[in-house]
Amino acid sequence: MSHRGRTSRRGEATMGNRARTEVYGPRESYSPAPRGSMKTTLVTTLLCLLLAPTAARAQAASPGATSPRVVRDSLPASCTVAYVLDGDTWNCEGGTVVRLLLVNAPERGKYGDLARRALSSLLVVGSTARLEYDARTYTSDGRLLAYVFLPDGRFVNEMLIREGYAFLKPKPPNERYANRLRRAERLARERKVGLWAD
């Protein structure tokens, strides 16, 4: 009798649990995250918050971090000559240093002096020259790379090479006038002028 009573009560308990499950749905199991895992997540979050401003400042301070692209409209279309440094480099009023694209002139000795004087005769102090650009616009030390034209249309880079004061120095990806300057150098060699005289 008592055995049947225990069985009956156990059955009622089981039935009660089943009814609660149908009404409220299955009971969700809860398993707390390990303490070590929570601590690691908290430390990582705090480090990110603390280091984010430092990383941003470092990126802004680094010249190559943001890889700024030079906007063509911001480059000067012309330049007033302040003085000539050597046979392929000169200064504009305002301090911009211009390096003739694809041109290399001697810096010292007889031909270095001749090249500087030749460029000075073309780019007279106070005169204005027109500038054109290619794929790469600056040297690693900040000089502006340009093809230079006089007001009458003469191409300074070409004139220096054709008269033997300088020679062609290819600089890919800057190749817009490479073939034209190559022909000028070939002509200087054939005529044996300037650097090609000896």
C-alpha atoms as a PDB file:
ATOM      1  CA  MET A   1       0.000   0.000   0.000  1.00  0.00           C
ATOM      2  CA  SER A   2       2.711   2.370   1.011  1.00  0.00           C
ATOM      3  CA  HIS A   3       4.725   1.300  -2.040  1.00  0.00           C
ATOM      4  CA  ARG A   4       1.875   2.231  -4.349  1.00  0.00           C
ATOM      5  CA  GLY A   5       1.522   5.535  -2.516  1.00  0.00           C
ATOM      6  CA  ARG A   6       5.192   6.430  -3.103  1.00  0.00           C
ATOM      7  CA  THR A   7       4.840   5.498  -6.751  1.00  0.00           C
ATOM      8  CA  SER A   8       1.731   7.576  -7.053  1.00  0.00           C
ATOM      9  CA  ARG A   9       3.342  10.640  -5.442  1.00  0.00           C
ATOM     10  CA  ARG A  10       6.436  10.272  -7.676  1.00  0.00           C
ATOM     11  CA  GLY A  11       4.176  10.078 -10.717  1.00  0.00           C
ATOM     12  CA  GLU A  12       2.323  13.193  -9.599  1.00  0.00           C
ATOM     13  CA  ALA A  13       5.616  15.033  -9.189  1.00  0.00           C
ATOM     14  CA  THR A  14       6.696  13.989 -12.692  1.00  0.00           C
ATOM     15  CA  MET A  15       3.368  15.084 -14.104  1.00  0.00           C
ATOM     16  CA  GLY A  16       3.711  18.442 -12.338  1.00  0.00           C
ATOM     17  CA  ASN A  17       7.168  19.037 -13.842  1.00  0.00           C
ATOM     18  CA  ARG A  18       5.886  18.195 -17.295  1.00  0.00           C
ATOM     19  CA  ALA A  19       3.013  20.657 -16.912  1.00  0.00           C
ATOM     20  CA  ARG A  20       5.372  23.450 -15.839  1.00  0.00           C
ATOM     21  CA  THR A  21       7.564  22.697 -18.869  1.00  0.00           C
ATOM     22  CA  GLU A  22       4.621  22.970 -21.236  1.00  0.00           C
ATOM     23  CA  VAL A  23       3.527  26.304 -19.718  1.00  0.00           C
ATOM     24  CA  TYR A  24       6.847  28.010 -19.169  1.00  0.00           C
ATOM     25  CA  GLY A  25       9.114  26.163 -21.642  1.00  0.00           C
ATOM     26  CA  PRO A  26      12.315  24.293 -20.842  1.00  0.00           C
ATOM     27  CA  ARG A  27      14.430  25.694 -18.060  1.00  0.00           C
ATOM     28  CA  GLU A  28      17.597  27.312 -19.493  1.00  0.00           C
ATOM     29  CA  SER A  29      20.833  26.048 -18.094  1.00  0.00           C
ATOM     30  CA  TYR A  30      23.231  28.703 -16.773  1.00  0.00           C
ATOM     31  CA  SER A  31      26.937  28.156 -16.796  1.00  0.00           C
ATOM     32  CA  PRO A  32      28.954  31.168 -15.596  1.00  0.00           C
ATOM     33  CA  ALA A  33      32.062  32.091 -17.611  1.00  0.00           C
ATOM     34  CA  PRO A  34      35.359  31.172 -16.006  1.00  0.00           C
ATOM     35  CA  ARG A  35      36.855  33.968 -13.933  1.00  0.00           C
ATOM     36  CA  GLY A  36      40.105  33.902 -15.903  1.00  0.00           C
ATOM     37  CA  SER A  37      38.259  34.441 -19.209  1.00  0.00           C
ATOM     38  CA  MET A  38      36.315  37.449 -17.865  1.00  0.00           C
ATOM     39  CA  LYS A  39      39.494  39.014 -16.477  1.00  0.00           C
ATOM     40  CA  THR A  40      41.309  38.611 -19.826  1.00  0.00           C
ATOM     41  CA  THR A  41      38.419  40.229 -21.722  1.00  0.00           C
ATOM     42  CA  LEU A  42      38.305  43.157 -19.291  1.00  0.00           C
ATOM     43  CA  VAL A  43      42.058  43.761 -19.488  1.00  0.00           C
ATOM     44  CA  THR A  44      42.006  43.606 -23.313  1.00  0.00           C
ATOM     45  CA  THR A  45      39.148  46.126 -23.486  1.00  0.00           C
ATOM     46  CA  LEU A  46      40.913  48.541 -21.129  1.00  0.00           C
ATOM     47  CA  LEU A  47      44.168  48.296 -23.104  1.00  0.00           C
ATOM     48  CA  CYS A  48      42.344  49.063 -26.372  1.00  0.00           C
ATOM     49  CA  LEU A  49      40.709  52.136 -24.838  1.00  0.00           C
ATOM     50  CA  LEU A  50      44.004  53.379 -23.401  1.00  0.00           C
ATOM     51  CA  LEU A  51      46.138  52.764 -26.515  1.00  0.00           C
ATOM     52  CA  ALA A  52      43.710  53.986 -29.204  1.00  0.00           C
ATOM     53  CA  PRO A  53      44.582  57.726 -28.824  1.00  0.00           C
ATOM     54  CA  THR A  54      48.323  56.936 -28.848  1.00  0.00           C
ATOM     55  CA  ALA A  55      48.010  54.891 -32.043  1.00  0.00           C
ATOM     56  CA  ALA A  56      46.030  57.666 -33.711  1.00  0.00           C
ATOM     57  CA  ARG A  57      48.673  60.262 -32.808  1.00  0.00           C
ATOM     58  CA  ALA A  58      51.456  58.016 -34.095  1.00  0.00           C
ATOM     59  CA  GLN A  59      49.650  57.489 -37.388  1.00  0.00           C
ATOM     60  CA  ALA A  60      49.135  61.219 -37.844  1.00  0.00           C
ATOM     61  CA  ALA A  61      52.781  61.957 -37.064  1.00  0.00           C
ATOM     62  CA  SER A  62      54.183  59.334 -39.456  1.00  0.00           C
ATOM     63  CA  PRO A  63      54.712  60.762 -42.976  1.00  0.00           C
ATOM     64  CA  GLY A  64      53.906  57.487 -44.705  1.00  0.00           C
ATOM     65  CA  ALA A  65      51.187  56.305 -42.374  1.00  0.00           C
ATOM     66  CA  THR A  66      48.255  57.799 -44.232  1.00  0.00           C
ATOM     67  CA  SER A  67      49.966  57.763 -47.639  1.00  0.00           C
ATOM     68  CA  PRO A  68      48.545  61.175 -48.614  1.00  0.00           C
ATOM     69  CA  ARG A  69      47.917  61.515 -52.338  1.00  0.00           C
ATOM     70  CA  VAL A  70      49.049  64.798 -53.834  1.00  0.00           C
ATOM     71  CA  VAL A  71      46.083  66.586 -55.345  1.00  0.00           C
ATOM     72  CA  ARG A  72      47.032  67.771 -58.840  1.00  0.00           C
ATOM     73  CA  ASP A  73      45.181  71.052 -58.404  1.00  0.00           C
ATOM     74  CA  SER A  74      47.378  71.904 -55.398  1.00  0.00           C
ATOM     75  CA  LEU A  75      50.624  71.716 -57.414  1.00  0.00           C
ATOM     76  CA  PRO A  76      51.860  75.038 -58.819  1.00  0.00           C
ATOM     77  CA  ALA A  77      51.253  75.504 -62.547  1.00  0.00           C
ATOM     78  CA  SER A  78      54.144  77.954 -62.745  1.00  0.00           C
ATOM     79  CA  CYS A  79      57.021  79.243 -60.679  1.00  0.00           C
ATOM     80  CA  THR A  80      59.023  82.446 -60.453  1.00  0.00           C
ATOM     81  CA  VAL A  81      62.753  81.779 -60.440  1.00  0.00           C
ATOM     82  CA  ALA A  82      64.622  82.796 -57.267  1.00  0.00           C
ATOM     83  CA  TYR A  83      68.031  81.268 -58.063  1.00  0.00           C
ATOM     84  CA  VAL A  84      69.640  78.274 -59.746  1.00  0.00           C
ATOM     85  CA  LEU A  85      71.363  75.717 -57.536  1.00  0.00           C
ATOM     86  CA  ASP A  86      73.069  73.571 -60.199  1.00  0.00           C
ATOM     87  CA  GLY A  87      72.513  72.236 -63.705  1.00  0.00           C
ATOM     88  CA  ASP A  88      69.224  70.460 -62.911  1.00  0.00           C
ATOM     89  CA  THR A  89      67.860  72.083 -59.734  1.00  0.00           C
ATOM     90  CA  TRP A  90      66.525  75.549 -58.965  1.00  0.00           C
ATOM     91  CA  ASN A  91      64.537  77.453 -56.350  1.00  0.00           C
ATOM     92  CA  CYS A  92      61.234  79.241 -56.784  1.00  0.00           C
ATOM     93  CA  GLU A  93      60.269  82.370 -54.899  1.00  0.00           C
ATOM     94  CA  GLY A  94      58.624  81.096 -51.729  1.00  0.00           C
ATOM     95  CA  GLY A  95      61.192  78.347 -51.214  1.00  0.00           C
ATOM     96  CA  THR A  96      59.972  75.487 -53.431  1.00  0.00           C
ATOM     97  CA  VAL A  97      62.895  73.518 -54.848  1.00  0.00           C
ATOM     98  CA  VAL A  98      62.341  72.155 -58.375  1.00  0.00           C
ATOM     99  CA  ARG A  99      64.272  69.223 -59.827  1.00  0.00           C
ATOM    100  CA  LEU A 100      64.153  68.771 -63.611  1.00  0.00           C
ATOM    101  CA  LEU A 101      62.504  65.455 -64.413  1.00  0.00           C
ATOM    102  CA  LEU A 102      64.559  62.801 -66.234  1.00  0.00           C
ATOM    103  CA  VAL A 103      67.594  65.106 -66.349  1.00  0.00           C
ATOM    104  CA  ASN A 104      70.921  64.630 -64.619  1.00  0.00           C
ATOM    105  CA  ALA A 105      73.672  67.231 -64.890  1.00  0.00           C
ATOM    106  CA  PRO A 106      77.192  67.130 -63.404  1.00  0.00           C
ATOM    107  CA  GLU A 107      77.451  69.044 -60.131  1.00  0.00           C
ATOM    108  CA  ARG A 108      81.196  69.726 -60.053  1.00  0.00           C
ATOM    109  CA  GLY A 109      84.115  70.443 -62.327  1.00  0.00           C
ATOM    110  CA  LYS A 110      84.103  71.998 -65.766  1.00  0.00           C
ATOM    111  CA  TYR A 111      80.850  70.436 -66.936  1.00  0.00           C
ATOM    112  CA  GLY A 112      79.116  71.075 -63.639  1.00  0.00           C
ATOM    113  CA  ASP A 113      79.856  74.781 -63.989  1.00  0.00           C
ATOM    114  CA  LEU A 114      78.773  74.790 -67.650  1.00  0.00           C
ATOM    115  CA  ALA A 115      75.495  73.058 -66.797  1.00  0.00           C
ATOM    116  CA  ARG A 116      74.687  75.517 -64.006  1.00  0.00           C
ATOM    117  CA  ARG A 117      75.418  78.502 -66.258  1.00  0.00           C
ATOM    118  CA  ALA A 118      73.313  77.008 -69.068  1.00  0.00           C
ATOM    119  CA  LEU A 119      70.324  76.543 -66.767  1.00  0.00           C
ATOM    120  CA  SER A 120      70.828  80.059 -65.331  1.00  0.00           C
ATOM    121  CA  SER A 121      70.725  81.524 -68.848  1.00  0.00           C
ATOM    122  CA  LEU A 122      67.381  79.793 -69.478  1.00  0.00           C
ATOM    123  CA  LEU A 123      65.820  80.357 -66.057  1.00  0.00           C
ATOM    124  CA  VAL A 124      66.651  83.978 -65.422  1.00  0.00           C
ATOM    125  CA  VAL A 125      66.053  85.206 -61.866  1.00  0.00           C
ATOM    126  CA  GLY A 126      62.624  86.855 -61.682  1.00  0.00           C
ATOM    127  CA  SER A 127      61.287  85.112 -64.788  1.00  0.00           C
ATOM    128  CA  THR A 128      58.379  82.680 -64.708  1.00  0.00           C
ATOM    129  CA  ALA A 129      58.431  79.109 -65.995  1.00  0.00           C
ATOM    130  CA  ARG A 130      55.541  76.726 -66.576  1.00  0.00           C
ATOM    131  CA  LEU A 131      55.631  73.381 -64.785  1.00  0.00           C
ATOM    132  CA  GLU A 132      54.259  70.017 -65.867  1.00  0.00           C
ATOM    133  CA  TYR A 133      54.166  66.862 -63.780  1.00  0.00           C
ATOM    134  CA  ASP A 134      54.278  63.116 -64.214  1.00  0.00           C
ATOM    135  CA  ALA A 135      53.233  60.080 -62.143  1.00  0.00           C
ATOM    136  CA  ARG A 136      55.614  60.831 -59.270  1.00  0.00           C
ATOM    137  CA  THR A 137      55.746  64.467 -58.187  1.00  0.00           C
ATOM    138  CA  TYR A 138      58.323  64.619 -55.353  1.00  0.00           C
ATOM    139  CA  THR A 139      61.770  63.251 -54.611  1.00  0.00           C
ATOM    140  CA  SER A 140      62.411  61.453 -51.332  1.00  0.00           C
ATOM    141  CA  ASP A 141      63.869  64.660 -49.885  1.00  0.00           C
ATOM    142  CA  GLY A 142      60.892  66.828 -50.862  1.00  0.00           C
ATOM    143  CA  ARG A 143      62.012  68.450 -54.113  1.00  0.00           C
ATOM    144  CA  LEU A 144      59.299  69.021 -56.711  1.00  0.00           C
ATOM    145  CA  LEU A 145      59.827  66.961 -59.882  1.00  0.00           C
ATOM    146  CA  ALA A 146      58.790  68.819 -63.027  1.00  0.00           C
ATOM    147  CA  TYR A 147      59.110  69.268 -66.745  1.00  0.00           C
ATOM    148  CA  VAL A 148      59.857  72.965 -67.234  1.00  0.00           C
ATOM    149  CA  PHE A 149      58.740  75.155 -70.128  1.00  0.00           C
ATOM    150  CA  LEU A 150      59.657  78.753 -70.897  1.00  0.00           C
ATOM    151  CA  PRO A 151      56.966  81.329 -71.828  1.00  0.00           C
ATOM    152  CA  ASP A 152      57.896  80.939 -75.519  1.00  0.00           C
ATOM    153  CA  GLY A 153      57.251  77.169 -75.329  1.00  0.00           C
ATOM    154  CA  ARG A 154      60.854  75.947 -75.203  1.00  0.00           C
ATOM    155  CA  PHE A 155      61.328  72.772 -73.181  1.00  0.00           C
ATOM    156  CA  VAL A 156      64.144  73.350 -70.666  1.00  0.00           C
ATOM    157  CA  ASN A 157      64.732  69.661 -69.857  1.00  0.00           C
ATOM    158  CA  GLU A 158      65.136  68.893 -73.551  1.00  0.00           C
ATOM    159  CA  MET A 159      67.385  71.877 -74.300  1.00  0.00           C
ATOM    160  CA  LEU A 160      69.915  70.968 -71.601  1.00  0.00           C
ATOM    161  CA  ILE A 161      70.176  67.377 -72.859  1.00  0.00           C
ATOM    162  CA  ARG A 162      70.269  68.322 -76.561  1.00  0.00           C
ATOM    163  CA  GLU A 163      73.131  70.782 -76.001  1.00  0.00           C
ATOM    164  CA  GLY A 164      75.131  68.237 -74.020  1.00  0.00           C
ATOM    165  CA  TYR A 165      74.931  69.971 -70.620  1.00  0.00           C
ATOM    166  CA  ALA A 166      73.111  67.029 -69.075  1.00  0.00           C
ATOM    167  CA  PHE A 167      72.090  63.487 -69.880  1.00  0.00           C
ATOM    168  CA  LEU A 168      68.886  61.486 -69.677  1.00  0.00           C
ATOM    169  CA  LYS A 169      68.181  59.805 -66.372  1.00  0.00           C
ATOM    170  CA  PRO A 170      65.143  57.489 -66.713  1.00  0.00           C
ATOM    171  CA  LYS A 171      62.901  57.481 -63.655  1.00  0.00           C
ATOM    172  CA  PRO A 172      59.913  55.131 -64.026  1.00  0.00           C
ATOM    173  CA  PRO A 173      57.026  55.622 -63.605  1.00  0.00           C
ATOM    174  CA  ASN A 174      57.810  59.153 -64.878  1.00  0.00           C
ATOM    175  CA  GLU A 175      57.935  58.527 -68.624  1.00  0.00           C
ATOM    176  CA  ARG A 176      55.768  61.143 -70.333  1.00  0.00           C
ATOM    177  CA  TYR A 177      58.643  62.790 -72.231  1.00  0.00           C
ATOM    178  CA  ALA A 178      61.175  59.955 -71.994  1.00  0.00           C
ATOM    179  CA  ASN A 179      61.243  59.233 -75.740  1.00  0.00           C
ATOM    180  CA  ARG A 180      61.572  62.910 -76.619  1.00  0.00           C
ATOM    181  CA  LEU A 181      64.489  63.333 -74.225  1.00  0.00           C
ATOM    182  CA  ARG A 182      66.064  60.121 -75.477  1.00  0.00           C
ATOM    183  CA  ARG A 183      66.086  61.544 -79.011  1.00  0.00           C
ATOM    184  CA  ALA A 184      67.659  64.758 -77.692  1.00  0.00           C
ATOM    185  CA  GLU A 185      70.479  62.797 -76.054  1.00  0.00           C
ATOM    186  CA  ARG A 186      71.054  60.763 -79.220  1.00  0.00           C
ATOM    187  CA  LEU A 187      71.391  64.018 -81.164  1.00  0.00           C
ATOM    188  CA  ALA A 188      73.911  65.415 -78.648  1.00  0.00           C
ATOM    189  CA  ARG A 189      75.995  62.253 -78.955  1.00  0.00           C
ATOM    190  CA  GLU A 190      75.950  62.406 -82.733  1.00  0.00           C
ATOM    191  CA  ARG A 191      76.958  66.072 -82.725  1.00  0.00           C
ATOM    192  CA  LYS A 192      79.548  65.427 -79.986  1.00  0.00           C
ATOM    193  CA  VAL A 193      78.628  68.494 -77.977  1.00  0.00           C
ATOM    194  CA  GLY A 194      79.136  69.229 -74.290  1.00  0.00           C
ATOM    195  CA  LEU A 195      79.561  66.070 -72.266  1.00  0.00           C
ATOM    196  CA  TRP A 196      79.946  64.041 -75.472  1.00  0.00           C
ATOM    197  CA  ALA A 197      82.716  66.175 -76.922  1.00  0.00           C
ATOM    198  CA  ASP A 198      85.574  64.139 -75.466  1.00  0.00           C
END
